[in-house]
Amino acid sequence: MTTTEIRISRLVDEFRDTIAREGTHCPGGNRVLEKDAKRLIGYSDHFKHLRHEGKGPKFLKISERKVYYYLDDLARWMVERDEQFGELD
């Protein structure tokens, strides 16, 4: 595994711990609704704007009201942003 893959894996584990602790709905154990995704990564409504601009993580749009994010995609997006902009602690 590369350093990036290890960081992504650890971040997904952190997401899962938070999801379990908070009782967040997580279909299949690997995706969350947009409202939960932005809470997990600490973004506000700006997160939705990033999606509309094509600058956010990959997403799965079920309907106008249901947008899901896979935990792996959220983690990858965060790690890549950190590598580019130094945003993670």
PDB file of N, CA and C in Angstrom:
ATOM      1  N   MET A   1       0.837  -1.196   0.000  1.00  0.00           N
ATOM      2  CA  MET A   1       0.000   0.000   0.000  1.00  0.00           C
ATOM      3  C   MET A   1       0.877   1.253   0.000  1.00  0.00           C
ATOM      4  N   THR A   2       0.434   2.231  -0.751  1.00  0.00           N
ATOM      5  CA  THR A   2       1.151   3.506  -0.756  1.00  0.00           C
ATOM      6  C   THR A   2       0.762   4.317   0.480  1.00  0.00           C
ATOM      7  N   THR A   3       1.508   5.355   0.740  1.00  0.00           N
ATOM      8  CA  THR A   3       1.197   6.244   1.864  1.00  0.00           C
ATOM      9  C   THR A   3      -0.191   6.848   1.692  1.00  0.00           C
ATOM     10  N   THR A   4      -0.529   7.226   0.473  1.00  0.00           N
ATOM     11  CA  THR A   4      -1.853   7.794   0.199  1.00  0.00           C
ATOM     12  C   THR A   4      -2.948   6.782   0.502  1.00  0.00           C
ATOM     13  N   GLU A   5      -2.779   5.543   0.064  1.00  0.00           N
ATOM     14  CA  GLU A   5      -3.781   4.502   0.320  1.00  0.00           C
ATOM     15  C   GLU A   5      -3.941   4.244   1.813  1.00  0.00           C
ATOM     16  N   ILE A   6      -2.846   4.279   2.553  1.00  0.00           N
ATOM     17  CA  ILE A   6      -2.907   4.083   4.006  1.00  0.00           C
ATOM     18  C   ILE A   6      -3.688   5.222   4.654  1.00  0.00           C
ATOM     19  N   ARG A   7      -3.421   6.442   4.234  1.00  0.00           N
ATOM     20  CA  ARG A   7      -4.144   7.599   4.782  1.00  0.00           C
ATOM     21  C   ARG A   7      -5.637   7.509   4.475  1.00  0.00           C
ATOM     22  N   ILE A   8      -5.973   7.090   3.262  1.00  0.00           N
ATOM     23  CA  ILE A   8      -7.380   6.942   2.882  1.00  0.00           C
ATOM     24  C   ILE A   8      -8.041   5.881   3.748  1.00  0.00           C
ATOM     25  N   SER A   9      -7.391   4.751   3.917  1.00  0.00           N
ATOM     26  CA  SER A   9      -7.930   3.657   4.724  1.00  0.00           C
ATOM     27  C   SER A   9      -8.162   4.097   6.171  1.00  0.00           C
ATOM     28  N   ARG A  10      -7.220   4.807   6.730  1.00  0.00           N
ATOM     29  CA  ARG A  10      -7.362   5.292   8.115  1.00  0.00           C
ATOM     30  C   ARG A  10      -8.513   6.281   8.238  1.00  0.00           C
ATOM     31  N   LEU A  11      -8.662   7.143   7.255  1.00  0.00           N
ATOM     32  CA  LEU A  11      -9.737   8.123   7.280  1.00  0.00           C
ATOM     33  C   LEU A  11     -11.101   7.445   7.153  1.00  0.00           C
ATOM     34  N   VAL A  12     -11.198   6.422   6.316  1.00  0.00           N
ATOM     35  CA  VAL A  12     -12.447   5.657   6.205  1.00  0.00           C
ATOM     36  C   VAL A  12     -12.770   5.010   7.550  1.00  0.00           C
ATOM     37  N   ASP A  13     -11.766   4.465   8.226  1.00  0.00           N
ATOM     38  CA  ASP A  13     -11.978   3.884   9.559  1.00  0.00           C
ATOM     39  C   ASP A  13     -12.487   4.936  10.541  1.00  0.00           C
ATOM     40  N   GLU A  14     -11.929   6.135  10.486  1.00  0.00           N
ATOM     41  CA  GLU A  14     -12.401   7.224  11.349  1.00  0.00           C
ATOM     42  C   GLU A  14     -13.850   7.568  11.034  1.00  0.00           C
ATOM     43  N   PHE A  15     -14.179   7.634   9.748  1.00  0.00           N
ATOM     44  CA  PHE A  15     -15.566   7.896   9.350  1.00  0.00           C
ATOM     45  C   PHE A  15     -16.493   6.832   9.930  1.00  0.00           C
ATOM     46  N   ARG A  16     -16.114   5.567   9.787  1.00  0.00           N
ATOM     47  CA  ARG A  16     -16.960   4.471  10.282  1.00  0.00           C
ATOM     48  C   ARG A  16     -17.125   4.538  11.795  1.00  0.00           C
ATOM     49  N   ASP A  17     -16.068   4.880  12.513  1.00  0.00           N
ATOM     50  CA  ASP A  17     -16.165   5.038  13.968  1.00  0.00           C
ATOM     51  C   ASP A  17     -17.152   6.141  14.324  1.00  0.00           C
ATOM     52  N   THR A  18     -17.069   7.266  13.636  1.00  0.00           N
ATOM     53  CA  THR A  18     -17.975   8.389  13.886  1.00  0.00           C
ATOM     54  C   THR A  18     -19.407   8.000  13.551  1.00  0.00           C
ATOM     55  N   ILE A  19     -19.599   7.325  12.441  1.00  0.00           N
ATOM     56  CA  ILE A  19     -20.930   6.878  12.023  1.00  0.00           C
ATOM     57  C   ILE A  19     -21.532   5.949  13.070  1.00  0.00           C
ATOM     58  N   ALA A  20     -20.751   5.004  13.560  1.00  0.00           N
ATOM     59  CA  ALA A  20     -21.232   4.058  14.576  1.00  0.00           C
ATOM     60  C   ALA A  20     -21.559   4.790  15.874  1.00  0.00           C
ATOM     61  N   ARG A  21     -20.693   5.686  16.286  1.00  0.00           N
ATOM     62  CA  ARG A  21     -20.878   6.419  17.540  1.00  0.00           C
ATOM     63  C   ARG A  21     -22.122   7.303  17.482  1.00  0.00           C
ATOM     64  N   GLU A  22     -22.363   7.928  16.334  1.00  0.00           N
ATOM     65  CA  GLU A  22     -23.482   8.856  16.193  1.00  0.00           C
ATOM     66  C   GLU A  22     -24.764   8.192  15.713  1.00  0.00           C
ATOM     67  N   GLY A  23     -24.676   6.939  15.293  1.00  0.00           N
ATOM     68  CA  GLY A  23     -25.856   6.240  14.801  1.00  0.00           C
ATOM     69  C   GLY A  23     -26.342   6.757  13.455  1.00  0.00           C
ATOM     70  N   THR A  24     -25.433   7.252  12.652  1.00  0.00           N
ATOM     71  CA  THR A  24     -25.768   7.773  11.324  1.00  0.00           C
ATOM     72  C   THR A  24     -26.176   6.633  10.396  1.00  0.00           C
ATOM     73  N   HIS A  25     -27.210   6.883   9.584  1.00  0.00           N
ATOM     74  CA  HIS A  25     -27.650   5.895   8.596  1.00  0.00           C
ATOM     75  C   HIS A  25     -26.557   5.758   7.537  1.00  0.00           C
ATOM     76  N   CYS A  26     -26.138   4.520   7.303  1.00  0.00           N
ATOM     77  CA  CYS A  26     -25.041   4.267   6.360  1.00  0.00           C
ATOM     78  C   CYS A  26     -25.368   3.008   5.559  1.00  0.00           C
ATOM     79  N   PRO A  27     -26.155   3.142   4.457  1.00  0.00           N
ATOM     80  CA  PRO A  27     -26.557   1.980   3.663  1.00  0.00           C
ATOM     81  C   PRO A  27     -25.366   1.149   3.197  1.00  0.00           C
ATOM     82  N   GLY A  28     -25.433  -0.126   3.461  1.00  0.00           N
ATOM     83  CA  GLY A  28     -24.366  -1.028   3.041  1.00  0.00           C
ATOM     84  C   GLY A  28     -23.069  -0.826   3.804  1.00  0.00           C
ATOM     85  N   GLY A  29     -23.080   0.077   4.784  1.00  0.00           N
ATOM     86  CA  GLY A  29     -21.889   0.341   5.568  1.00  0.00           C
ATOM     87  C   GLY A  29     -20.817   1.113   4.829  1.00  0.00           C
ATOM     88  N   ASN A  30     -21.185   1.671   3.662  1.00  0.00           N
ATOM     89  CA  ASN A  30     -20.123   2.331   2.898  1.00  0.00           C
ATOM     90  C   ASN A  30     -20.518   3.644   2.217  1.00  0.00           C
ATOM     91  N   ARG A  31     -21.717   4.165   2.501  1.00  0.00           N
ATOM     92  CA  ARG A  31     -22.093   5.448   1.905  1.00  0.00           C
ATOM     93  C   ARG A  31     -22.996   6.224   2.856  1.00  0.00           C
ATOM     94  N   VAL A  32     -22.981   7.540   2.693  1.00  0.00           N
ATOM     95  CA  VAL A  32     -23.786   8.415   3.540  1.00  0.00           C
ATOM     96  C   VAL A  32     -24.451   9.485   2.680  1.00  0.00           C
ATOM     97  N   LEU A  33     -25.547  10.022   3.197  1.00  0.00           N
ATOM     98  CA  LEU A  33     -26.216  11.133   2.526  1.00  0.00           C
ATOM     99  C   LEU A  33     -25.336  12.379   2.573  1.00  0.00           C
ATOM    100  N   GLU A  34     -25.612  13.311   1.681  1.00  0.00           N
ATOM    101  CA  GLU A  34     -24.806  14.526   1.605  1.00  0.00           C
ATOM    102  C   GLU A  34     -24.760  15.271   2.936  1.00  0.00           C
ATOM    103  N   LYS A  35     -25.896  15.378   3.626  1.00  0.00           N
ATOM    104  CA  LYS A  35     -25.922  16.101   4.903  1.00  0.00           C
ATOM    105  C   LYS A  35     -24.988  15.451   5.917  1.00  0.00           C
ATOM    106  N   ASP A  36     -24.899  14.128   5.893  1.00  0.00           N
ATOM    107  CA  ASP A  36     -24.008  13.424   6.814  1.00  0.00           C
ATOM    108  C   ASP A  36     -22.553  13.517   6.354  1.00  0.00           C
ATOM    109  N   ALA A  37     -22.340  13.503   5.049  1.00  0.00           N
ATOM    110  CA  ALA A  37     -20.976  13.613   4.508  1.00  0.00           C
ATOM    111  C   ALA A  37     -20.357  14.951   4.887  1.00  0.00           C
ATOM    112  N   LYS A  38     -21.110  16.019   4.723  1.00  0.00           N
ATOM    113  CA  LYS A  38     -20.534  17.336   5.035  1.00  0.00           C
ATOM    114  C   LYS A  38     -20.274  17.482   6.528  1.00  0.00           C
ATOM    115  N   ARG A  39     -21.057  16.821   7.364  1.00  0.00           N
ATOM    116  CA  ARG A  39     -20.805  16.834   8.793  1.00  0.00           C
ATOM    117  C   ARG A  39     -19.560  16.023   9.128  1.00  0.00           C
ATOM    118  N   LEU A  40     -19.420  14.866   8.474  1.00  0.00           N
ATOM    119  CA  LEU A  40     -18.252  14.009   8.711  1.00  0.00           C
ATOM    120  C   LEU A  40     -16.942  14.721   8.391  1.00  0.00           C
ATOM    121  N   ILE A  41     -16.938  15.501   7.323  1.00  0.00           N
ATOM    122  CA  ILE A  41     -15.683  16.136   6.917  1.00  0.00           C
ATOM    123  C   ILE A  41     -15.574  17.590   7.366  1.00  0.00           C
ATOM    124  N   GLY A  42     -16.610  18.073   8.060  1.00  0.00           N
ATOM    125  CA  GLY A  42     -16.533  19.415   8.628  1.00  0.00           C
ATOM    126  C   GLY A  42     -16.789  20.546   7.652  1.00  0.00           C
ATOM    127  N   TYR A  43     -17.562  20.283   6.608  1.00  0.00           N
ATOM    128  CA  TYR A  43     -17.909  21.327   5.649  1.00  0.00           C
ATOM    129  C   TYR A  43     -19.346  21.775   5.886  1.00  0.00           C
ATOM    130  N   SER A  44     -19.635  23.012   5.540  1.00  0.00           N
ATOM    131  CA  SER A  44     -20.985  23.537   5.662  1.00  0.00           C
ATOM    132  C   SER A  44     -21.708  23.370   4.323  1.00  0.00           C
ATOM    133  N   ASP A  45     -22.630  24.259   4.053  1.00  0.00           N
ATOM    134  CA  ASP A  45     -23.369  24.196   2.787  1.00  0.00           C
ATOM    135  C   ASP A  45     -22.471  24.433   1.582  1.00  0.00           C
ATOM    136  N   HIS A  46     -21.272  24.929   1.805  1.00  0.00           N
ATOM    137  CA  HIS A  46     -20.290  25.110   0.730  1.00  0.00           C
ATOM    138  C   HIS A  46     -20.028  23.779   0.014  1.00  0.00           C
ATOM    139  N   PHE A  47     -20.188  22.688   0.743  1.00  0.00           N
ATOM    140  CA  PHE A  47     -19.964  21.352   0.196  1.00  0.00           C
ATOM    141  C   PHE A  47     -20.868  21.097  -1.012  1.00  0.00           C
ATOM    142  N   LYS A  48     -22.128  21.500  -0.907  1.00  0.00           N
ATOM    143  CA  LYS A  48     -23.082  21.330  -2.011  1.00  0.00           C
ATOM    144  C   LYS A  48     -22.637  22.142  -3.234  1.00  0.00           C
ATOM    145  N   HIS A  49     -22.122  23.332  -3.000  1.00  0.00           N
ATOM    146  CA  HIS A  49     -21.632  24.168  -4.103  1.00  0.00           C
ATOM    147  C   HIS A  49     -20.443  23.506  -4.799  1.00  0.00           C
ATOM    148  N   LEU A  50     -19.579  22.868  -4.020  1.00  0.00           N
ATOM    149  CA  LEU A  50     -18.448  22.156  -4.619  1.00  0.00           C
ATOM    150  C   LEU A  50     -18.944  21.054  -5.551  1.00  0.00           C
ATOM    151  N   ARG A  51     -20.010  20.358  -5.135  1.00  0.00           N
ATOM    152  CA  ARG A  51     -20.581  19.304  -5.986  1.00  0.00           C
ATOM    153  C   ARG A  51     -21.096  19.899  -7.292  1.00  0.00           C
ATOM    154  N   HIS A  52     -21.833  20.992  -7.198  1.00  0.00           N
ATOM    155  CA  HIS A  52     -22.387  21.629  -8.396  1.00  0.00           C
ATOM    156  C   HIS A  52     -21.299  22.147  -9.332  1.00  0.00           C
ATOM    157  N   GLU A  53     -20.172  22.554  -8.764  1.00  0.00           N
ATOM    158  CA  GLU A  53     -19.060  23.065  -9.570  1.00  0.00           C
ATOM    159  C   GLU A  53     -18.157  21.949 -10.086  1.00  0.00           C
ATOM    160  N   GLY A  54     -18.425  20.706  -9.660  1.00  0.00           N
ATOM    161  CA  GLY A  54     -17.595  19.585 -10.079  1.00  0.00           C
ATOM    162  C   GLY A  54     -16.263  19.516  -9.359  1.00  0.00           C
ATOM    163  N   LYS A  55     -16.172  20.163  -8.197  1.00  0.00           N
ATOM    164  CA  LYS A  55     -14.921  20.211  -7.442  1.00  0.00           C
ATOM    165  C   LYS A  55     -14.945  19.356  -6.186  1.00  0.00           C
ATOM    166  N   GLY A  56     -16.064  18.711  -5.916  1.00  0.00           N
ATOM    167  CA  GLY A  56     -16.188  17.874  -4.726  1.00  0.00           C
ATOM    168  C   GLY A  56     -15.862  16.426  -5.032  1.00  0.00           C
ATOM    169  N   PRO A  57     -16.051  15.564  -4.032  1.00  0.00           N
ATOM    170  CA  PRO A  57     -15.802  14.137  -4.246  1.00  0.00           C
ATOM    171  C   PRO A  57     -16.855  13.523  -5.171  1.00  0.00           C
ATOM    172  N   LYS A  58     -16.554  12.336  -5.677  1.00  0.00           N
ATOM    173  CA  LYS A  58     -17.532  11.600  -6.487  1.00  0.00           C
ATOM    174  C   LYS A  58     -18.787  11.396  -5.649  1.00  0.00           C
ATOM    175  N   PHE A  59     -19.942  11.352  -6.321  1.00  0.00           N
ATOM    176  CA  PHE A  59     -21.207  11.181  -5.615  1.00  0.00           C
ATOM    177  C   PHE A  59     -22.143  10.310  -6.431  1.00  0.00           C
ATOM    178  N   LEU A  60     -23.195   9.857  -5.775  1.00  0.00           N
ATOM    179  CA  LEU A  60     -24.224   9.042  -6.402  1.00  0.00           C
ATOM    180  C   LEU A  60     -25.548   9.755  -6.177  1.00  0.00           C
ATOM    181  N   LYS A  61     -26.149  10.251  -7.249  1.00  0.00           N
ATOM    182  CA  LYS A  61     -27.404  10.988  -7.142  1.00  0.00           C
ATOM    183  C   LYS A  61     -28.560  10.042  -7.429  1.00  0.00           C
ATOM    184  N   ILE A  62     -29.324   9.742  -6.387  1.00  0.00           N
ATOM    185  CA  ILE A  62     -30.467   8.839  -6.499  1.00  0.00           C
ATOM    186  C   ILE A  62     -31.692   9.606  -6.999  1.00  0.00           C
ATOM    187  N   SER A  63     -31.871  10.813  -6.486  1.00  0.00           N
ATOM    188  CA  SER A  63     -32.971  11.685  -6.886  1.00  0.00           C
ATOM    189  C   SER A  63     -32.541  13.120  -6.590  1.00  0.00           C
ATOM    190  N   GLU A  64     -33.417  14.072  -6.842  1.00  0.00           N
ATOM    191  CA  GLU A  64     -33.091  15.477  -6.548  1.00  0.00           C
ATOM    192  C   GLU A  64     -32.805  15.689  -5.069  1.00  0.00           C
ATOM    193  N   ARG A  65     -33.393  14.860  -4.226  1.00  0.00           N
ATOM    194  CA  ARG A  65     -33.247  15.044  -2.780  1.00  0.00           C
ATOM    195  C   ARG A  65     -32.291  14.061  -2.124  1.00  0.00           C
ATOM    196  N   LYS A  66     -31.821  13.067  -2.856  1.00  0.00           N
ATOM    197  CA  LYS A  66     -30.932  12.062  -2.267  1.00  0.00           C
ATOM    198  C   LYS A  66     -29.626  11.967  -3.042  1.00  0.00           C
ATOM    199  N   VAL A  67     -28.589  12.479  -2.414  1.00  0.00           N
ATOM    200  CA  VAL A  67     -27.244  12.409  -2.968  1.00  0.00           C
ATOM    201  C   VAL A  67     -26.390  11.685  -1.939  1.00  0.00           C
ATOM    202  N   TYR A  68     -25.745  10.613  -2.375  1.00  0.00           N
ATOM    203  CA  TYR A  68     -24.900   9.818  -1.487  1.00  0.00           C
ATOM    204  C   TYR A  68     -23.437   9.976  -1.858  1.00  0.00           C
ATOM    205  N   TYR A  69     -22.601   9.786  -0.851  1.00  0.00           N
ATOM    206  CA  TYR A  69     -21.152   9.766  -1.041  1.00  0.00           C
ATOM    207  C   TYR A  69     -20.618   8.479  -0.444  1.00  0.00           C
ATOM    208  N   TYR A  70     -19.786   7.782  -1.204  1.00  0.00           N
ATOM    209  CA  TYR A  70     -19.117   6.603  -0.673  1.00  0.00           C
ATOM    210  C   TYR A  70     -17.985   7.064   0.231  1.00  0.00           C
ATOM    211  N   LEU A  71     -17.813   6.376   1.344  1.00  0.00           N
ATOM    212  CA  LEU A  71     -16.794   6.759   2.316  1.00  0.00           C
ATOM    213  C   LEU A  71     -15.402   6.794   1.693  1.00  0.00           C
ATOM    214  N   ASP A  72     -15.100   5.815   0.841  1.00  0.00           N
ATOM    215  CA  ASP A  72     -13.790   5.787   0.175  1.00  0.00           C
ATOM    216  C   ASP A  72     -13.575   7.033  -0.688  1.00  0.00           C
ATOM    217  N   ASP A  73     -14.626   7.455  -1.392  1.00  0.00           N
ATOM    218  CA  ASP A  73     -14.505   8.638  -2.250  1.00  0.00           C
ATOM    219  C   ASP A  73     -14.325   9.912  -1.428  1.00  0.00           C
ATOM    220  N   LEU A  74     -15.047  10.002  -0.294  1.00  0.00           N
ATOM    221  CA  LEU A  74     -14.871  11.155   0.599  1.00  0.00           C
ATOM    222  C   LEU A  74     -13.441  11.218   1.121  1.00  0.00           C
ATOM    223  N   ALA A  75     -12.953  10.071   1.587  1.00  0.00           N
ATOM    224  CA  ALA A  75     -11.601  10.017   2.145  1.00  0.00           C
ATOM    225  C   ALA A  75     -10.557  10.339   1.078  1.00  0.00           C
ATOM    226  N   ARG A  76     -10.705   9.766  -0.104  1.00  0.00           N
ATOM    227  CA  ARG A  76      -9.748  10.020  -1.192  1.00  0.00           C
ATOM    228  C   ARG A  76      -9.722  11.508  -1.538  1.00  0.00           C
ATOM    229  N   TRP A  77     -10.896  12.119  -1.637  1.00  0.00           N
ATOM    230  CA  TRP A  77     -10.992  13.537  -1.960  1.00  0.00           C
ATOM    231  C   TRP A  77     -10.294  14.379  -0.895  1.00  0.00           C
ATOM    232  N   MET A  78     -10.515  14.043   0.372  1.00  0.00           N
ATOM    233  CA  MET A  78      -9.882  14.801   1.453  1.00  0.00           C
ATOM    234  C   MET A  78      -8.366  14.647   1.433  1.00  0.00           C
ATOM    235  N   VAL A  79      -7.892  13.427   1.246  1.00  0.00           N
ATOM    236  CA  VAL A  79      -6.448  13.185   1.232  1.00  0.00           C
ATOM    237  C   VAL A  79      -5.810  13.889   0.032  1.00  0.00           C
ATOM    238  N   GLU A  80      -6.452  13.817  -1.122  1.00  0.00           N
ATOM    239  CA  GLU A  80      -5.909  14.495  -2.306  1.00  0.00           C
ATOM    240  C   GLU A  80      -5.866  16.006  -2.116  1.00  0.00           C
ATOM    241  N   ARG A  81      -6.898  16.562  -1.487  1.00  0.00           N
ATOM    242  CA  ARG A  81      -6.902  18.011  -1.201  1.00  0.00           C
ATOM    243  C   ARG A  81      -5.790  18.356  -0.226  1.00  0.00           C
ATOM    244  N   ASP A  82      -5.585  17.496   0.757  1.00  0.00           N
ATOM    245  CA  ASP A  82      -4.520  17.743   1.727  1.00  0.00           C
ATOM    246  C   ASP A  82      -3.159  17.722   1.045  1.00  0.00           C
ATOM    247  N   GLU A  83      -2.971  16.763   0.149  1.00  0.00           N
ATOM    248  CA  GLU A  83      -1.693  16.670  -0.555  1.00  0.00           C
ATOM    249  C   GLU A  83      -1.471  17.881  -1.457  1.00  0.00           C
ATOM    250  N   GLN A  84      -2.574  18.446  -1.954  1.00  0.00           N
ATOM    251  CA  GLN A  84      -2.471  19.605  -2.837  1.00  0.00           C
ATOM    252  C   GLN A  84      -2.409  20.920  -2.055  1.00  0.00           C
ATOM    253  N   PHE A  85      -3.257  21.040  -1.013  1.00  0.00           N
ATOM    254  CA  PHE A  85      -3.396  22.317  -0.311  1.00  0.00           C
ATOM    255  C   PHE A  85      -2.983  22.286   1.158  1.00  0.00           C
ATOM    256  N   GLY A  86      -2.693  21.096   1.718  1.00  0.00           N
ATOM    257  CA  GLY A  86      -2.320  20.994   3.125  1.00  0.00           C
ATOM    258  C   GLY A  86      -3.454  21.321   4.076  1.00  0.00           C
ATOM    259  N   GLU A  87      -4.649  20.726   3.835  1.00  0.00           N
ATOM    260  CA  GLU A  87      -5.830  21.074   4.622  1.00  0.00           C
ATOM    261  C   GLU A  87      -6.105  20.163   5.815  1.00  0.00           C
ATOM    262  N   LEU A  88      -5.587  18.945   5.848  1.00  0.00           N
ATOM    263  CA  LEU A  88      -5.855  18.045   6.970  1.00  0.00           C
ATOM    264  C   LEU A  88      -4.885  18.332   8.099  1.00  0.00           C
ATOM    265  N   ASP A  89      -5.347  18.048   9.307  1.00  0.00           N
ATOM    266  CA  ASP A  89      -4.467  18.236  10.485  1.00  0.00           C
ATOM    267  C   ASP A  89      -3.388  17.204  10.523  1.00  0.00           C
TER     268      ASP A  89
END
